[in-house]
Amino acid sequence: MRIQRPAPPRRGGERETLRTFLDHHRATLAWKCEGLTDEQLRRRSMPPSRLSLLGLVRHLAEVERAWFRRVINAEDVPLVWSAEGDYQVAYDASTATRAEAFAAWETEVEHSRRIEREAASLDVTGYDPRSGEQVSLRLVMLHLIHEYARHNGHADFLREGVDGTVGV
């Protein structure tokens, strides 16, 4: 395994712990995709599902962009793959490539990290248009940890189906 996953601190502060858990889950997604071809990364789980490892990478790029850039940083940027704001569109990776999907995902992760680092505290808020409420950076980071953890479970099964590789 070339991907190094950071170990969350056993006695760290709240922000350091959230940051490290989020980076741990980001690295886990990259690890699950490591060493696979574009074709393998596009392989769907089972009909009629469109879910694939590459689709997960694209979906999580959208999630990072929406929560950190659009909500917390109030940037007026569209989603990468859907003009209508449909996060599910990203799952269809039938013509996607590793280079395209990972470039978008890595760009969004770097924006997210910068926004989090520059925030004065976890109490910084942004407006979530779906709920119509202000949400804290703390909530966003916890939501992203949840989102990655859930999808990394999917990635476990997808990877095992591609080449039999399993692991935590």
Protein backbone atom coordinates (compact mmCIF):
# COMPACT_ATOMS: atom_id res chain seq x y z
CA MET A 1 0.00 0.00 0.00
CA ARG A 2 1.56 3.28 -1.13
CA ILE A 3 -1.26 5.44 0.25
CA GLN A 4 -0.50 6.47 3.80
CA ARG A 5 -3.53 7.00 6.00
CA PRO A 6 -3.05 9.37 8.94
CA ALA A 7 -3.87 7.89 12.33
CA PRO A 8 -6.32 10.01 14.31
CA PRO A 9 -4.79 11.28 17.56
CA ARG A 10 -5.67 9.37 20.71
CA ARG A 11 -5.75 12.54 22.83
CA GLY A 12 -5.97 15.39 20.32
CA GLY A 13 -8.15 18.44 20.42
CA GLU A 14 -11.50 18.56 18.66
CA ARG A 15 -10.33 20.29 15.48
CA GLU A 16 -7.20 18.15 15.09
CA THR A 17 -9.26 15.00 15.63
CA LEU A 18 -11.93 15.97 13.10
CA ARG A 19 -9.31 17.04 10.55
CA THR A 20 -7.33 13.82 10.91
CA PHE A 21 -10.38 11.54 10.80
CA LEU A 22 -11.52 13.28 7.61
CA ASP A 23 -8.07 12.93 6.04
CA HIS A 24 -7.97 9.27 7.14
CA HIS A 25 -11.21 8.61 5.28
CA ARG A 26 -10.06 10.56 2.22
CA ALA A 27 -6.90 8.44 2.12
CA THR A 28 -8.97 5.28 2.52
CA LEU A 29 -10.95 6.12 -0.63
CA ALA A 30 -7.71 6.70 -2.56
CA TRP A 31 -6.30 3.44 -1.19
CA LYS A 32 -9.36 1.47 -2.35
CA CYS A 33 -8.73 2.77 -5.89
CA GLU A 34 -4.98 2.27 -5.89
CA GLY A 35 -3.49 0.16 -8.66
CA LEU A 36 -6.66 -0.25 -10.73
CA THR A 37 -7.16 0.58 -14.39
CA ASP A 38 -9.80 3.00 -15.63
CA GLU A 39 -11.92 0.03 -16.73
CA GLN A 40 -11.69 -1.57 -13.28
CA LEU A 41 -12.50 1.73 -11.58
CA ARG A 42 -15.61 2.10 -13.80
CA ARG A 43 -16.86 -1.43 -13.07
CA ARG A 44 -20.37 -1.24 -11.62
CA SER A 45 -21.44 -3.11 -8.54
CA MET A 46 -24.51 -4.81 -9.97
CA PRO A 47 -27.34 -3.86 -12.31
CA PRO A 48 -29.22 -1.58 -12.17
CA SER A 49 -26.85 0.31 -9.86
CA ARG A 50 -24.49 2.83 -11.47
CA LEU A 51 -22.18 2.70 -8.45
CA SER A 52 -18.47 2.24 -9.17
CA LEU A 53 -15.24 3.24 -7.47
CA LEU A 54 -14.74 6.05 -9.98
CA GLY A 55 -18.34 7.14 -9.42
CA LEU A 56 -17.64 7.37 -5.69
CA VAL A 57 -14.59 9.55 -6.32
CA ARG A 58 -16.65 11.86 -8.54
CA HIS A 59 -19.53 11.95 -6.03
CA LEU A 60 -17.20 12.84 -3.16
CA ALA A 61 -15.62 15.60 -5.22
CA GLU A 62 -19.13 17.09 -5.54
CA VAL A 63 -19.78 16.66 -1.81
CA GLU A 64 -16.49 18.38 -0.87
CA ARG A 65 -17.25 21.22 -3.31
CA ALA A 66 -20.81 21.71 -2.11
CA TRP A 67 -20.17 21.70 1.62
CA PHE A 68 -16.88 23.52 1.88
CA ARG A 69 -16.87 25.89 -1.09
CA ARG A 70 -20.58 26.56 -1.63
CA VAL A 71 -21.88 26.36 1.96
CA ILE A 72 -19.02 27.37 4.28
CA ASN A 73 -17.13 29.67 1.90
CA ALA A 74 -20.25 31.01 0.09
CA GLU A 75 -18.63 30.56 -3.33
CA ASP A 76 -20.97 30.77 -6.29
CA VAL A 77 -19.58 27.74 -8.12
CA PRO A 78 -21.59 25.09 -9.94
CA LEU A 79 -21.20 21.41 -9.26
CA VAL A 80 -18.61 19.75 -11.47
CA TRP A 81 -20.84 17.20 -13.23
CA SER A 82 -24.38 18.47 -12.80
CA ALA A 83 -25.78 21.84 -13.79
CA GLU A 84 -29.01 20.85 -11.99
CA GLY A 85 -27.30 20.11 -8.67
CA ASP A 86 -27.99 16.36 -8.83
CA TYR A 87 -25.21 14.63 -6.90
CA GLN A 88 -26.27 11.27 -8.32
CA VAL A 89 -25.13 12.29 -11.82
CA ALA A 90 -21.53 11.93 -10.63
CA TYR A 91 -22.10 8.21 -9.99
CA ASP A 92 -22.35 7.55 -13.73
CA ALA A 93 -18.67 7.15 -14.49
CA SER A 94 -19.16 5.04 -17.62
CA THR A 95 -16.92 7.33 -19.70
CA ALA A 96 -14.84 8.81 -16.88
CA THR A 97 -11.12 8.39 -16.40
CA ARG A 98 -9.00 8.14 -13.28
CA ALA A 99 -7.10 11.26 -14.33
CA GLU A 100 -10.26 13.38 -14.73
CA ALA A 101 -12.03 12.13 -11.60
CA PHE A 102 -9.01 12.25 -9.29
CA ALA A 103 -7.93 15.67 -10.56
CA ALA A 104 -11.36 17.07 -9.67
CA TRP A 105 -11.48 15.26 -6.32
CA GLU A 106 -7.95 16.27 -5.31
CA THR A 107 -8.66 19.89 -6.29
CA GLU A 108 -11.78 19.94 -4.13
CA VAL A 109 -10.01 18.29 -1.20
CA GLU A 110 -7.31 20.97 -1.34
CA HIS A 111 -9.95 23.73 -1.41
CA SER A 112 -11.67 22.08 1.57
CA ARG A 113 -8.45 21.84 3.54
CA ARG A 114 -7.63 25.49 2.84
CA ILE A 115 -11.12 26.65 3.88
CA GLU A 116 -10.94 24.64 7.09
CA ARG A 117 -7.43 25.90 7.94
CA GLU A 118 -8.40 29.53 7.32
CA ALA A 119 -11.58 29.33 9.40
CA ALA A 120 -11.23 31.06 12.77
CA SER A 121 -12.97 28.20 14.57
CA LEU A 122 -15.28 25.23 14.12
CA ASP A 123 -18.13 27.61 14.96
CA VAL A 124 -17.79 29.44 11.62
CA THR A 125 -21.07 29.05 9.78
CA GLY A 126 -22.36 28.98 6.25
CA TYR A 127 -25.79 28.88 4.72
CA ASP A 128 -27.15 25.51 3.60
CA PRO A 129 -29.80 26.23 0.94
CA ARG A 130 -31.27 22.72 1.20
CA SER A 131 -32.19 23.11 4.86
CA GLY A 132 -32.51 26.90 4.78
CA GLU A 133 -30.34 27.11 7.90
CA GLN A 134 -26.89 28.18 8.98
CA VAL A 135 -24.57 25.23 9.62
CA SER A 136 -21.24 25.18 11.42
CA LEU A 137 -17.90 24.04 10.06
CA ARG A 138 -18.02 21.44 12.84
CA LEU A 139 -21.23 19.98 11.40
CA VAL A 140 -19.79 20.03 7.88
CA MET A 141 -16.66 18.17 8.96
CA LEU A 142 -18.71 15.60 10.86
CA HIS A 143 -21.03 15.20 7.87
CA LEU A 144 -18.06 14.63 5.53
CA ILE A 145 -16.59 12.03 7.90
CA HIS A 146 -19.96 10.26 7.85
CA GLU A 147 -20.23 10.56 4.06
CA TYR A 148 -16.75 9.13 3.48
CA ALA A 149 -17.20 6.34 6.04
CA ARG A 150 -20.45 5.24 4.41
CA HIS A 151 -19.01 5.34 0.90
CA ASN A 152 -15.76 3.69 1.96
CA GLY A 153 -17.92 0.75 3.02
CA HIS A 154 -19.27 0.68 -0.53
CA ALA A 155 -15.69 0.96 -1.80
CA ASP A 156 -14.70 -2.13 0.22
CA PHE A 157 -17.28 -4.23 -1.60
CA LEU A 158 -16.59 -2.67 -4.99
CA ARG A 159 -12.83 -3.32 -4.69
CA GLU A 160 -13.37 -6.88 -3.55
CA GLY A 161 -15.62 -7.43 -6.56
CA VAL A 162 -12.98 -6.07 -8.95
CA ASP A 163 -9.93 -8.04 -7.86
CA GLY A 164 -10.61 -9.72 -4.53
CA THR A 165 -8.63 -7.19 -2.48
CA VAL A 166 -9.99 -6.71 1.03
CA GLY A 167 -8.77 -4.79 4.04
CA VAL A 168 -9.51 -1.98 6.41
